[in-house]
Amino acid sequence: MASVDECRQALQELAGRLDRNAETVRERVDLDRTLACRITDLDTAFHGRLTGGRLIDLTDGDDPKAKIVLSTSSDDLVALVDGELDIARAVASRRVSIKANPFDLMKLRKLL
């Protein structure tokens, strides 16, 4: 099981990756939504905002009003960010749950 610090680091790495790709994605993806990432096996969460192709204001704690909610285990989060777990297969096998409206899901796919 990955630690809270490893999960935080994975999300910061994802934020950095999105930041580096923001210039090419920004024109294709108009998405400005709050995001919560709930780590089920650690009973912890992180939240931030997806805007302009970037993940910003990432901090500890849950956001019950988040428009996009990703729930997964600590190990699966780290595997997703490291590219060892395919997001589509993870959702299909219920290792990852994403709650968002269908239009946001389509935009989110373009970011990942």
PDB file of N, CA and C in Angstrom:
ATOM      1  N   MET A   1       0.834  -1.165   0.000  1.00  0.00           N
ATOM      2  CA  MET A   1       0.000   0.000   0.000  1.00  0.00           C
ATOM      3  C   MET A   1       0.892   1.245   0.000  1.00  0.00           C
ATOM      4  N   ALA A   2       0.582   2.153  -0.916  1.00  0.00           N
ATOM      5  CA  ALA A   2       1.332   3.408  -0.997  1.00  0.00           C
ATOM      6  C   ALA A   2       0.940   4.313   0.172  1.00  0.00           C
ATOM      7  N   SER A   3       1.822   5.186   0.559  1.00  0.00           N
ATOM      8  CA  SER A   3       1.568   6.096   1.678  1.00  0.00           C
ATOM      9  C   SER A   3       0.848   7.361   1.189  1.00  0.00           C
ATOM     10  N   VAL A   4       0.375   8.146   2.133  1.00  0.00           N
ATOM     11  CA  VAL A   4      -0.257   9.429   1.804  1.00  0.00           C
ATOM     12  C   VAL A   4       0.742  10.319   1.078  1.00  0.00           C
ATOM     13  N   ASP A   5       1.989  10.331   1.529  1.00  0.00           N
ATOM     14  CA  ASP A   5       3.015  11.144   0.877  1.00  0.00           C
ATOM     15  C   ASP A   5       3.265  10.687  -0.561  1.00  0.00           C
ATOM     16  N   GLU A   6       3.265   9.378  -0.807  1.00  0.00           N
ATOM     17  CA  GLU A   6       3.456   8.865  -2.167  1.00  0.00           C
ATOM     18  C   GLU A   6       2.285   9.263  -3.062  1.00  0.00           C
ATOM     19  N   CYS A   7       1.079   9.253  -2.524  1.00  0.00           N
ATOM     20  CA  CYS A   7      -0.096   9.685  -3.286  1.00  0.00           C
ATOM     21  C   CYS A   7      -0.019  11.176  -3.590  1.00  0.00           C
ATOM     22  N   ARG A   8       0.358  11.961  -2.618  1.00  0.00           N
ATOM     23  CA  ARG A   8       0.513  13.408  -2.810  1.00  0.00           C
ATOM     24  C   ARG A   8       1.562  13.676  -3.892  1.00  0.00           C
ATOM     25  N   GLN A   9       2.677  12.960  -3.816  1.00  0.00           N
ATOM     26  CA  GLN A   9       3.744  13.122  -4.798  1.00  0.00           C
ATOM     27  C   GLN A   9       3.259  12.720  -6.196  1.00  0.00           C
ATOM     28  N   ALA A  10       2.488  11.637  -6.301  1.00  0.00           N
ATOM     29  CA  ALA A  10       1.962  11.204  -7.598  1.00  0.00           C
ATOM     30  C   ALA A  10       1.046  12.267  -8.196  1.00  0.00           C
ATOM     31  N   LEU A  11       0.194  12.863  -7.369  1.00  0.00           N
ATOM     32  CA  LEU A  11      -0.695  13.909  -7.869  1.00  0.00           C
ATOM     33  C   LEU A  11       0.084  15.155  -8.272  1.00  0.00           C
ATOM     34  N   GLN A  12       1.139  15.484  -7.545  1.00  0.00           N
ATOM     35  CA  GLN A  12       1.975  16.623  -7.920  1.00  0.00           C
ATOM     36  C   GLN A  12       2.707  16.345  -9.233  1.00  0.00           C
ATOM     37  N   GLU A  13       3.106  15.099  -9.428  1.00  0.00           N
ATOM     38  CA  GLU A  13       3.743  14.712 -10.685  1.00  0.00           C
ATOM     39  C   GLU A  13       2.748  14.831 -11.837  1.00  0.00           C
ATOM     40  N   LEU A  14       1.508  14.402 -11.607  1.00  0.00           N
ATOM     41  CA  LEU A  14       0.463  14.537 -12.620  1.00  0.00           C
ATOM     42  C   LEU A  14       0.219  16.011 -12.933  1.00  0.00           C
ATOM     43  N   ALA A  15       0.173  16.850 -11.907  1.00  0.00           N
ATOM     44  CA  ALA A  15      -0.026  18.285 -12.104  1.00  0.00           C
ATOM     45  C   ALA A  15       1.107  18.869 -12.942  1.00  0.00           C
ATOM     46  N   GLY A  16       2.335  18.448 -12.683  1.00  0.00           N
ATOM     47  CA  GLY A  16       3.478  18.908 -13.463  1.00  0.00           C
ATOM     48  C   GLY A  16       3.396  18.477 -14.911  1.00  0.00           C
ATOM     49  N   ARG A  17       2.970  17.256 -15.127  1.00  0.00           N
ATOM     50  CA  ARG A  17       2.833  16.735 -16.489  1.00  0.00           C
ATOM     51  C   ARG A  17       1.753  17.511 -17.251  1.00  0.00           C
ATOM     52  N   LEU A  18       0.612  17.750 -16.589  1.00  0.00           N
ATOM     53  CA  LEU A  18      -0.451  18.526 -17.221  1.00  0.00           C
ATOM     54  C   LEU A  18       0.013  19.947 -17.510  1.00  0.00           C
ATOM     55  N   ASP A  19       0.792  20.514 -16.606  1.00  0.00           N
ATOM     56  CA  ASP A  19       1.301  21.869 -16.787  1.00  0.00           C
ATOM     57  C   ASP A  19       2.200  21.956 -18.023  1.00  0.00           C
ATOM     58  N   ARG A  20       3.039  20.943 -18.206  1.00  0.00           N
ATOM     59  CA  ARG A  20       3.941  20.936 -19.364  1.00  0.00           C
ATOM     60  C   ARG A  20       3.172  20.786 -20.679  1.00  0.00           C
ATOM     61  N   ASN A  21       2.000  20.133 -20.633  1.00  0.00           N
ATOM     62  CA  ASN A  21       1.210  19.909 -21.844  1.00  0.00           C
ATOM     63  C   ASN A  21       0.090  20.924 -22.025  1.00  0.00           C
ATOM     64  N   ALA A  22      -0.047  21.858 -21.115  1.00  0.00           N
ATOM     65  CA  ALA A  22      -1.192  22.773 -21.109  1.00  0.00           C
ATOM     66  C   ALA A  22      -1.287  23.613 -22.377  1.00  0.00           C
ATOM     67  N   GLU A  23      -0.169  24.049 -22.904  1.00  0.00           N
ATOM     68  CA  GLU A  23      -0.201  24.905 -24.092  1.00  0.00           C
ATOM     69  C   GLU A  23      -0.836  24.204 -25.283  1.00  0.00           C
ATOM     70  N   THR A  24      -0.554  22.931 -25.467  1.00  0.00           N
ATOM     71  CA  THR A  24      -1.117  22.199 -26.607  1.00  0.00           C
ATOM     72  C   THR A  24      -2.551  21.761 -26.354  1.00  0.00           C
ATOM     73  N   VAL A  25      -2.920  21.577 -25.106  1.00  0.00           N
ATOM     74  CA  VAL A  25      -4.248  21.072 -24.770  1.00  0.00           C
ATOM     75  C   VAL A  25      -5.260  22.198 -24.586  1.00  0.00           C
ATOM     76  N   ARG A  26      -4.816  23.339 -24.120  1.00  0.00           N
ATOM     77  CA  ARG A  26      -5.720  24.431 -23.743  1.00  0.00           C
ATOM     78  C   ARG A  26      -6.719  24.773 -24.843  1.00  0.00           C
ATOM     79  N   GLU A  27      -6.270  24.800 -26.089  1.00  0.00           N
ATOM     80  CA  GLU A  27      -7.159  25.173 -27.182  1.00  0.00           C
ATOM     81  C   GLU A  27      -8.210  24.101 -27.458  1.00  0.00           C
ATOM     82  N   ARG A  28      -7.914  22.848 -27.151  1.00  0.00           N
ATOM     83  CA  ARG A  28      -8.846  21.753 -27.426  1.00  0.00           C
ATOM     84  C   ARG A  28      -9.767  21.456 -26.260  1.00  0.00           C
ATOM     85  N   VAL A  29      -9.374  21.822 -25.049  1.00  0.00           N
ATOM     86  CA  VAL A  29     -10.136  21.449 -23.866  1.00  0.00           C
ATOM     87  C   VAL A  29     -10.500  22.694 -23.062  1.00  0.00           C
ATOM     88  N   ASP A  30     -11.785  22.999 -23.059  1.00  0.00           N
ATOM     89  CA  ASP A  30     -12.283  24.108 -22.259  1.00  0.00           C
ATOM     90  C   ASP A  30     -12.919  23.506 -21.009  1.00  0.00           C
ATOM     91  N   LEU A  31     -12.118  23.340 -19.974  1.00  0.00           N
ATOM     92  CA  LEU A  31     -12.586  22.676 -18.759  1.00  0.00           C
ATOM     93  C   LEU A  31     -12.104  23.459 -17.549  1.00  0.00           C
ATOM     94  N   ASP A  32     -13.041  23.881 -16.732  1.00  0.00           N
ATOM     95  CA  ASP A  32     -12.726  24.580 -15.491  1.00  0.00           C
ATOM     96  C   ASP A  32     -13.623  23.983 -14.417  1.00  0.00           C
ATOM     97  N   ARG A  33     -13.074  22.993 -13.693  1.00  0.00           N
ATOM     98  CA  ARG A  33     -13.882  22.258 -12.723  1.00  0.00           C
ATOM     99  C   ARG A  33     -13.056  21.953 -11.477  1.00  0.00           C
ATOM    100  N   THR A  34     -13.748  21.859 -10.355  1.00  0.00           N
ATOM    101  CA  THR A  34     -13.110  21.396  -9.129  1.00  0.00           C
ATOM    102  C   THR A  34     -12.958  19.887  -9.216  1.00  0.00           C
ATOM    103  N   LEU A  35     -11.903  19.385  -8.586  1.00  0.00           N
ATOM    104  CA  LEU A  35     -11.574  17.961  -8.641  1.00  0.00           C
ATOM    105  C   LEU A  35     -11.253  17.468  -7.240  1.00  0.00           C
ATOM    106  N   ALA A  36     -11.799  16.321  -6.897  1.00  0.00           N
ATOM    107  CA  ALA A  36     -11.441  15.647  -5.649  1.00  0.00           C
ATOM    108  C   ALA A  36     -10.905  14.271  -6.000  1.00  0.00           C
ATOM    109  N   CYS A  37      -9.843  13.879  -5.328  1.00  0.00           N
ATOM    110  CA  CYS A  37      -9.265  12.547  -5.497  1.00  0.00           C
ATOM    111  C   CYS A  37      -9.319  11.866  -4.142  1.00  0.00           C
ATOM    112  N   ARG A  38     -10.164  10.852  -4.039  1.00  0.00           N
ATOM    113  CA  ARG A  38     -10.357  10.143  -2.785  1.00  0.00           C
ATOM    114  C   ARG A  38      -9.588   8.825  -2.810  1.00  0.00           C
ATOM    115  N   ILE A  39      -8.736   8.645  -1.820  1.00  0.00           N
ATOM    116  CA  ILE A  39      -7.908   7.446  -1.716  1.00  0.00           C
ATOM    117  C   ILE A  39      -8.609   6.512  -0.730  1.00  0.00           C
ATOM    118  N   THR A  40      -9.220   5.468  -1.265  1.00  0.00           N
ATOM    119  CA  THR A  40     -10.131   4.638  -0.477  1.00  0.00           C
ATOM    120  C   THR A  40      -9.450   3.843   0.630  1.00  0.00           C
ATOM    121  N   ASP A  41      -8.269   3.306   0.371  1.00  0.00           N
ATOM    122  CA  ASP A  41      -7.632   2.463   1.383  1.00  0.00           C
ATOM    123  C   ASP A  41      -6.906   3.258   2.458  1.00  0.00           C
ATOM    124  N   LEU A  42      -6.690   4.534   2.239  1.00  0.00           N
ATOM    125  CA  LEU A  42      -6.023   5.376   3.234  1.00  0.00           C
ATOM    126  C   LEU A  42      -7.006   6.310   3.943  1.00  0.00           C
ATOM    127  N   ASP A  43      -8.258   6.295   3.494  1.00  0.00           N
ATOM    128  CA  ASP A  43      -9.283   7.167   4.061  1.00  0.00           C
ATOM    129  C   ASP A  43      -8.813   8.613   4.078  1.00  0.00           C
ATOM    130  N   THR A  44      -8.287   9.049   2.933  1.00  0.00           N
ATOM    131  CA  THR A  44      -7.806  10.422   2.791  1.00  0.00           C
ATOM    132  C   THR A  44      -8.207  10.939   1.420  1.00  0.00           C
ATOM    133  N   ALA A  45      -8.037  12.211   1.209  1.00  0.00           N
ATOM    134  CA  ALA A  45      -8.405  12.812  -0.070  1.00  0.00           C
ATOM    135  C   ALA A  45      -7.545  14.034  -0.336  1.00  0.00           C
ATOM    136  N   PHE A  46      -7.552  14.429  -1.601  1.00  0.00           N
ATOM    137  CA  PHE A  46      -6.886  15.637  -2.063  1.00  0.00           C
ATOM    138  C   PHE A  46      -7.874  16.354  -2.969  1.00  0.00           C
ATOM    139  N   HIS A  47      -7.702  17.643  -3.116  1.00  0.00           N
ATOM    140  CA  HIS A  47      -8.563  18.366  -4.046  1.00  0.00           C
ATOM    141  C   HIS A  47      -7.796  19.503  -4.701  1.00  0.00           C
ATOM    142  N   GLY A  48      -8.317  19.906  -5.840  1.00  0.00           N
ATOM    143  CA  GLY A  48      -7.710  20.993  -6.601  1.00  0.00           C
ATOM    144  C   GLY A  48      -8.682  21.450  -7.665  1.00  0.00           C
ATOM    145  N   ARG A  49      -8.145  22.075  -8.688  1.00  0.00           N
ATOM    146  CA  ARG A  49      -8.968  22.606  -9.769  1.00  0.00           C
ATOM    147  C   ARG A  49      -8.292  22.307 -11.102  1.00  0.00           C
ATOM    148  N   LEU A  50      -9.097  21.818 -12.041  1.00  0.00           N
ATOM    149  CA  LEU A  50      -8.646  21.636 -13.419  1.00  0.00           C
ATOM    150  C   LEU A  50      -9.072  22.867 -14.204  1.00  0.00           C
ATOM    151  N   THR A  51      -8.112  23.577 -14.738  1.00  0.00           N
ATOM    152  CA  THR A  51      -8.427  24.759 -15.527  1.00  0.00           C
ATOM    153  C   THR A  51      -7.326  25.009 -16.545  1.00  0.00           C
ATOM    154  N   GLY A  52      -7.729  25.349 -17.758  1.00  0.00           N
ATOM    155  CA  GLY A  52      -6.742  25.643 -18.798  1.00  0.00           C
ATOM    156  C   GLY A  52      -5.784  24.503 -19.069  1.00  0.00           C
ATOM    157  N   GLY A  53      -6.234  23.267 -18.889  1.00  0.00           N
ATOM    158  CA  GLY A  53      -5.366  22.113 -19.108  1.00  0.00           C
ATOM    159  C   GLY A  53      -4.409  21.838 -17.963  1.00  0.00           C
ATOM    160  N   ARG A  54      -4.563  22.562 -16.856  1.00  0.00           N
ATOM    161  CA  ARG A  54      -3.673  22.416 -15.703  1.00  0.00           C
ATOM    162  C   ARG A  54      -4.442  21.924 -14.483  1.00  0.00           C
ATOM    163  N   LEU A  55      -3.734  21.297 -13.564  1.00  0.00           N
ATOM    164  CA  LEU A  55      -4.257  20.931 -12.250  1.00  0.00           C
ATOM    165  C   LEU A  55      -3.590  21.872 -11.258  1.00  0.00           C
ATOM    166  N   ILE A  56      -4.383  22.777 -10.690  1.00  0.00           N
ATOM    167  CA  ILE A  56      -3.816  23.807  -9.814  1.00  0.00           C
ATOM    168  C   ILE A  56      -4.429  23.736  -8.418  1.00  0.00           C
ATOM    169  N   ASP A  57      -3.835  24.443  -7.505  1.00  0.00           N
ATOM    170  CA  ASP A  57      -4.326  24.553  -6.121  1.00  0.00           C
ATOM    171  C   ASP A  57      -4.527  23.193  -5.464  1.00  0.00           C
ATOM    172  N   LEU A  58      -3.648  22.250  -5.763  1.00  0.00           N
ATOM    173  CA  LEU A  58      -3.732  20.902  -5.201  1.00  0.00           C
ATOM    174  C   LEU A  58      -3.383  20.938  -3.721  1.00  0.00           C
ATOM    175  N   THR A  59      -4.277  20.423  -2.897  1.00  0.00           N
ATOM    176  CA  THR A  59      -4.062  20.448  -1.456  1.00  0.00           C
ATOM    177  C   THR A  59      -4.711  19.235  -0.796  1.00  0.00           C
ATOM    178  N   ASP A  60      -4.356  18.996   0.436  1.00  0.00           N
ATOM    179  CA  ASP A  60      -4.921  17.880   1.199  1.00  0.00           C
ATOM    180  C   ASP A  60      -6.370  18.179   1.558  1.00  0.00           C
ATOM    181  N   GLY A  61      -7.139  17.118   1.712  1.00  0.00           N
ATOM    182  CA  GLY A  61      -8.521  17.236   2.142  1.00  0.00           C
ATOM    183  C   GLY A  61      -9.497  17.018   1.007  1.00  0.00           C
ATOM    184  N   ASP A  62     -10.716  16.706   1.377  1.00  0.00           N
ATOM    185  CA  ASP A  62     -11.774  16.425   0.410  1.00  0.00           C
ATOM    186  C   ASP A  62     -12.507  17.709   0.047  1.00  0.00           C
ATOM    187  N   ASP A  63     -13.162  17.697  -1.080  1.00  0.00           N
ATOM    188  CA  ASP A  63     -14.071  18.762  -1.486  1.00  0.00           C
ATOM    189  C   ASP A  63     -15.393  18.092  -1.836  1.00  0.00           C
ATOM    190  N   PRO A  64     -16.332  18.068  -0.887  1.00  0.00           N
ATOM    191  CA  PRO A  64     -17.602  17.383  -1.134  1.00  0.00           C
ATOM    192  C   PRO A  64     -18.410  17.985  -2.278  1.00  0.00           C
ATOM    193  N   LYS A  65     -18.088  19.207  -2.692  1.00  0.00           N
ATOM    194  CA  LYS A  65     -18.816  19.858  -3.783  1.00  0.00           C
ATOM    195  C   LYS A  65     -18.072  19.762  -5.114  1.00  0.00           C
ATOM    196  N   ALA A  66     -17.010  18.982  -5.168  1.00  0.00           N
ATOM    197  CA  ALA A  66     -16.215  18.864  -6.394  1.00  0.00           C
ATOM    198  C   ALA A  66     -17.077  18.362  -7.547  1.00  0.00           C
ATOM    199  N   LYS A  67     -16.857  18.930  -8.710  1.00  0.00           N
ATOM    200  CA  LYS A  67     -17.610  18.553  -9.910  1.00  0.00           C
ATOM    201  C   LYS A  67     -17.093  17.258 -10.526  1.00  0.00           C
ATOM    202  N   ILE A  68     -15.818  16.951 -10.283  1.00  0.00           N
ATOM    203  CA  ILE A  68     -15.214  15.708 -10.761  1.00  0.00           C
ATOM    204  C   ILE A  68     -14.606  15.009  -9.549  1.00  0.00           C
ATOM    205  N   VAL A  69     -14.967  13.731  -9.357  1.00  0.00           N
ATOM    206  CA  VAL A  69     -14.466  12.967  -8.218  1.00  0.00           C
ATOM    207  C   VAL A  69     -13.854  11.664  -8.718  1.00  0.00           C
ATOM    208  N   LEU A  70     -12.592  11.462  -8.399  1.00  0.00           N
ATOM    209  CA  LEU A  70     -11.891  10.229  -8.724  1.00  0.00           C
ATOM    210  C   LEU A  70     -11.663   9.474  -7.420  1.00  0.00           C
ATOM    211  N   SER A  71     -12.093   8.218  -7.368  1.00  0.00           N
ATOM    212  CA  SER A  71     -11.890   7.376  -6.190  1.00  0.00           C
ATOM    213  C   SER A  71     -11.105   6.143  -6.598  1.00  0.00           C
ATOM    214  N   THR A  72     -10.064   5.837  -5.837  1.00  0.00           N
ATOM    215  CA  THR A  72      -9.225   4.682  -6.137  1.00  0.00           C
ATOM    216  C   THR A  72      -8.367   4.344  -4.925  1.00  0.00           C
ATOM    217  N   SER A  73      -7.686   3.232  -4.998  1.00  0.00           N
ATOM    218  CA  SER A  73      -6.751   2.865  -3.925  1.00  0.00           C
ATOM    219  C   SER A  73      -5.432   3.604  -4.132  1.00  0.00           C
ATOM    220  N   SER A  74      -4.631   3.631  -3.101  1.00  0.00           N
ATOM    221  CA  SER A  74      -3.342   4.324  -3.170  1.00  0.00           C
ATOM    222  C   SER A  74      -2.428   3.705  -4.226  1.00  0.00           C
ATOM    223  N   ASP A  75      -2.350   2.390  -4.252  1.00  0.00           N
ATOM    224  CA  ASP A  75      -1.484   1.723  -5.229  1.00  0.00           C
ATOM    225  C   ASP A  75      -1.949   1.971  -6.655  1.00  0.00           C
ATOM    226  N   ASP A  76      -3.269   1.966  -6.873  1.00  0.00           N
ATOM    227  CA  ASP A  76      -3.779   2.204  -8.220  1.00  0.00           C
ATOM    228  C   ASP A  76      -3.555   3.648  -8.657  1.00  0.00           C
ATOM    229  N   LEU A  77      -3.637   4.589  -7.744  1.00  0.00           N
ATOM    230  CA  LEU A  77      -3.343   5.983  -8.088  1.00  0.00           C
ATOM    231  C   LEU A  77      -1.901   6.121  -8.559  1.00  0.00           C
ATOM    232  N   VAL A  78      -0.982   5.564  -7.801  1.00  0.00           N
ATOM    233  CA  VAL A  78       0.436   5.635  -8.162  1.00  0.00           C
ATOM    234  C   VAL A  78       0.668   4.932  -9.504  1.00  0.00           C
ATOM    235  N   ALA A  79       0.040   3.772  -9.712  1.00  0.00           N
ATOM    236  CA  ALA A  79       0.195   3.036 -10.974  1.00  0.00           C
ATOM    237  C   ALA A  79      -0.376   3.829 -12.152  1.00  0.00           C
ATOM    238  N   LEU A  80      -1.497   4.516 -11.953  1.00  0.00           N
ATOM    239  CA  LEU A  80      -2.079   5.347 -13.010  1.00  0.00           C
ATOM    240  C   LEU A  80      -1.117   6.457 -13.419  1.00  0.00           C
ATOM    241  N   VAL A  81      -0.607   7.168 -12.449  1.00  0.00           N
ATOM    242  CA  VAL A  81       0.286   8.293 -12.737  1.00  0.00           C
ATOM    243  C   VAL A  81       1.587   7.813 -13.369  1.00  0.00           C
ATOM    244  N   ASP A  82       2.079   6.658 -12.934  1.00  0.00           N
ATOM    245  CA  ASP A  82       3.313   6.104 -13.491  1.00  0.00           C
ATOM    246  C   ASP A  82       3.117   5.472 -14.865  1.00  0.00           C
ATOM    247  N   GLY A  83       1.870   5.386 -15.326  1.00  0.00           N
ATOM    248  CA  GLY A  83       1.589   4.792 -16.629  1.00  0.00           C
ATOM    249  C   GLY A  83       1.552   3.281 -16.624  1.00  0.00           C
ATOM    250  N   GLU A  84       1.513   2.682 -15.446  1.00  0.00           N
ATOM    251  CA  GLU A  84       1.482   1.224 -15.338  1.00  0.00           C
ATOM    252  C   GLU A  84       0.061   0.674 -15.357  1.00  0.00           C
ATOM    253  N   LEU A  85      -0.938   1.550 -15.223  1.00  0.00           N
ATOM    254  CA  LEU A  85      -2.345   1.142 -15.209  1.00  0.00           C
ATOM    255  C   LEU A  85      -3.098   2.032 -16.183  1.00  0.00           C
ATOM    256  N   ASP A  86      -3.765   1.430 -17.147  1.00  0.00           N
ATOM    257  CA  ASP A  86      -4.541   2.157 -18.143  1.00  0.00           C
ATOM    258  C   ASP A  86      -5.849   2.638 -17.514  1.00  0.00           C
ATOM    259  N   ILE A  87      -6.163   3.912 -17.684  1.00  0.00           N
ATOM    260  CA  ILE A  87      -7.337   4.496 -17.043  1.00  0.00           C
ATOM    261  C   ILE A  87      -8.630   3.842 -17.522  1.00  0.00           C
ATOM    262  N   ALA A  88      -8.745   3.559 -18.811  1.00  0.00           N
ATOM    263  CA  ALA A  88      -9.975   2.944 -19.329  1.00  0.00           C
ATOM    264  C   ALA A  88     -10.177   1.550 -18.736  1.00  0.00           C
ATOM    265  N   ARG A  89      -9.129   0.775 -18.678  1.00  0.00           N
ATOM    266  CA  ARG A  89      -9.236  -0.576 -18.098  1.00  0.00           C
ATOM    267  C   ARG A  89      -9.500  -0.516 -16.603  1.00  0.00           C
ATOM    268  N   ALA A  90      -8.897   0.455 -15.938  1.00  0.00           N
ATOM    269  CA  ALA A  90      -9.102   0.602 -14.496  1.00  0.00           C
ATOM    270  C   ALA A  90     -10.549   0.967 -14.179  1.00  0.00           C
ATOM    271  N   VAL A  91     -11.133   1.825 -14.990  1.00  0.00           N
ATOM    272  CA  VAL A  91     -12.545   2.186 -14.785  1.00  0.00           C
ATOM    273  C   VAL A  91     -13.437   0.996 -15.112  1.00  0.00           C
ATOM    274  N   ALA A  92     -13.139   0.315 -16.216  1.00  0.00           N
ATOM    275  CA  ALA A  92     -13.952  -0.840 -16.616  1.00  0.00           C
ATOM    276  C   ALA A  92     -13.918  -1.956 -15.573  1.00  0.00           C
ATOM    277  N   SER A  93     -12.779  -2.132 -14.918  1.00  0.00           N
ATOM    278  CA  SER A  93     -12.652  -3.183 -13.908  1.00  0.00           C
ATOM    279  C   SER A  93     -13.035  -2.690 -12.503  1.00  0.00           C
ATOM    280  N   ARG A  94     -13.474  -1.443 -12.418  1.00  0.00           N
ATOM    281  CA  ARG A  94     -13.916  -0.816 -11.165  1.00  0.00           C
ATOM    282  C   ARG A  94     -12.801  -0.624 -10.140  1.00  0.00           C
ATOM    283  N   ARG A  95     -11.594  -0.577 -10.621  1.00  0.00           N
ATOM    284  CA  ARG A  95     -10.469  -0.241  -9.731  1.00  0.00           C
ATOM    285  C   ARG A  95     -10.414   1.258  -9.507  1.00  0.00           C
ATOM    286  N   VAL A  96     -10.987   1.996 -10.459  1.00  0.00           N
ATOM    287  CA  VAL A  96     -11.066   3.451 -10.387  1.00  0.00           C
ATOM    288  C   VAL A  96     -12.504   3.851 -10.685  1.00  0.00           C
ATOM    289  N   SER A  97     -12.999   4.789  -9.907  1.00  0.00           N
ATOM    290  CA  SER A  97     -14.338   5.331 -10.131  1.00  0.00           C
ATOM    291  C   SER A  97     -14.202   6.821 -10.404  1.00  0.00           C
ATOM    292  N   ILE A  98     -14.846   7.278 -11.479  1.00  0.00           N
ATOM    293  CA  ILE A  98     -14.846   8.709 -11.804  1.00  0.00           C
ATOM    294  C   ILE A  98     -16.293   9.165 -11.881  1.00  0.00           C
ATOM    295  N   LYS A  99     -16.619  10.147 -11.049  1.00  0.00           N
ATOM    296  CA  LYS A  99     -17.960  10.725 -11.071  1.00  0.00           C
ATOM    297  C   LYS A  99     -17.857  12.124 -11.658  1.00  0.00           C
ATOM    298  N   ALA A 100     -18.544  12.313 -12.774  1.00  0.00           N
ATOM    299  CA  ALA A 100     -18.564  13.610 -13.451  1.00  0.00           C
ATOM    300  C   ALA A 100     -19.688  13.567 -14.471  1.00  0.00           C
ATOM    301  N   ASN A 101     -20.099  14.723 -14.933  1.00  0.00           N
ATOM    302  CA  ASN A 101     -21.122  14.686 -15.974  1.00  0.00           C
ATOM    303  C   ASN A 101     -20.484  14.188 -17.269  1.00  0.00           C
ATOM    304  N   PRO A 102     -21.281  13.624 -18.169  1.00  0.00           N
ATOM    305  CA  PRO A 102     -20.727  13.004 -19.387  1.00  0.00           C
ATOM    306  C   PRO A 102     -19.880  13.953 -20.241  1.00  0.00           C
ATOM    307  N   PHE A 103     -20.253  15.221 -20.317  1.00  0.00           N
ATOM    308  CA  PHE A 103     -19.479  16.172 -21.114  1.00  0.00           C
ATOM    309  C   PHE A 103     -18.105  16.412 -20.501  1.00  0.00           C
ATOM    310  N   ASP A 104     -18.052  16.486 -19.180  1.00  0.00           N
ATOM    311  CA  ASP A 104     -16.768  16.652 -18.504  1.00  0.00           C
ATOM    312  C   ASP A 104     -15.886  15.424 -18.695  1.00  0.00           C
ATOM    313  N   LEU A 105     -16.490  14.242 -18.687  1.00  0.00           N
ATOM    314  CA  LEU A 105     -15.723  13.016 -18.906  1.00  0.00           C
ATOM    315  C   LEU A 105     -15.062  13.022 -20.284  1.00  0.00           C
ATOM    316  N   MET A 106     -15.790  13.477 -21.294  1.00  0.00           N
ATOM    317  CA  MET A 106     -15.213  13.530 -22.649  1.00  0.00           C
ATOM    318  C   MET A 106     -14.050  14.505 -22.693  1.00  0.00           C
ATOM    319  N   LYS A 107     -14.172  15.645 -22.020  1.00  0.00           N
ATOM    320  CA  LYS A 107     -13.094  16.628 -21.997  1.00  0.00           C
ATOM    321  C   LYS A 107     -11.913  16.100 -21.198  1.00  0.00           C
ATOM    322  N   LEU A 108     -12.210  15.402 -20.113  1.00  0.00           N
ATOM    323  CA  LEU A 108     -11.169  14.852 -19.259  1.00  0.00           C
ATOM    324  C   LEU A 108     -10.315  13.831 -20.019  1.00  0.00           C
ATOM    325  N   ARG A 109     -10.947  13.051 -20.866  1.00  0.00           N
ATOM    326  CA  ARG A 109     -10.201  12.066 -21.675  1.00  0.00           C
ATOM    327  C   ARG A 109      -9.146  12.731 -22.541  1.00  0.00           C
ATOM    328  N   LYS A 110      -9.453  13.934 -23.045  1.00  0.00           N
ATOM    329  CA  LYS A 110      -8.491  14.649 -23.884  1.00  0.00           C
ATOM    330  C   LYS A 110      -7.279  15.103 -23.082  1.00  0.00           C
ATOM    331  N   LEU A 111      -7.481  15.366 -21.794  1.00  0.00           N
ATOM    332  CA  LEU A 111      -6.371  15.781 -20.946  1.00  0.00           C
ATOM    333  C   LEU A 111      -5.429  14.626 -20.632  1.00  0.00           C
ATOM    334  N   LEU A 112      -5.996  13.447 -20.456  1.00  0.00           N
ATOM    335  CA  LEU A 112      -5.200  12.300 -20.058  1.00  0.00           C
ATOM    336  C   LEU A 112      -4.709  11.579 -21.280  1.00  0.00           C
TER     337      LEU A 112
END
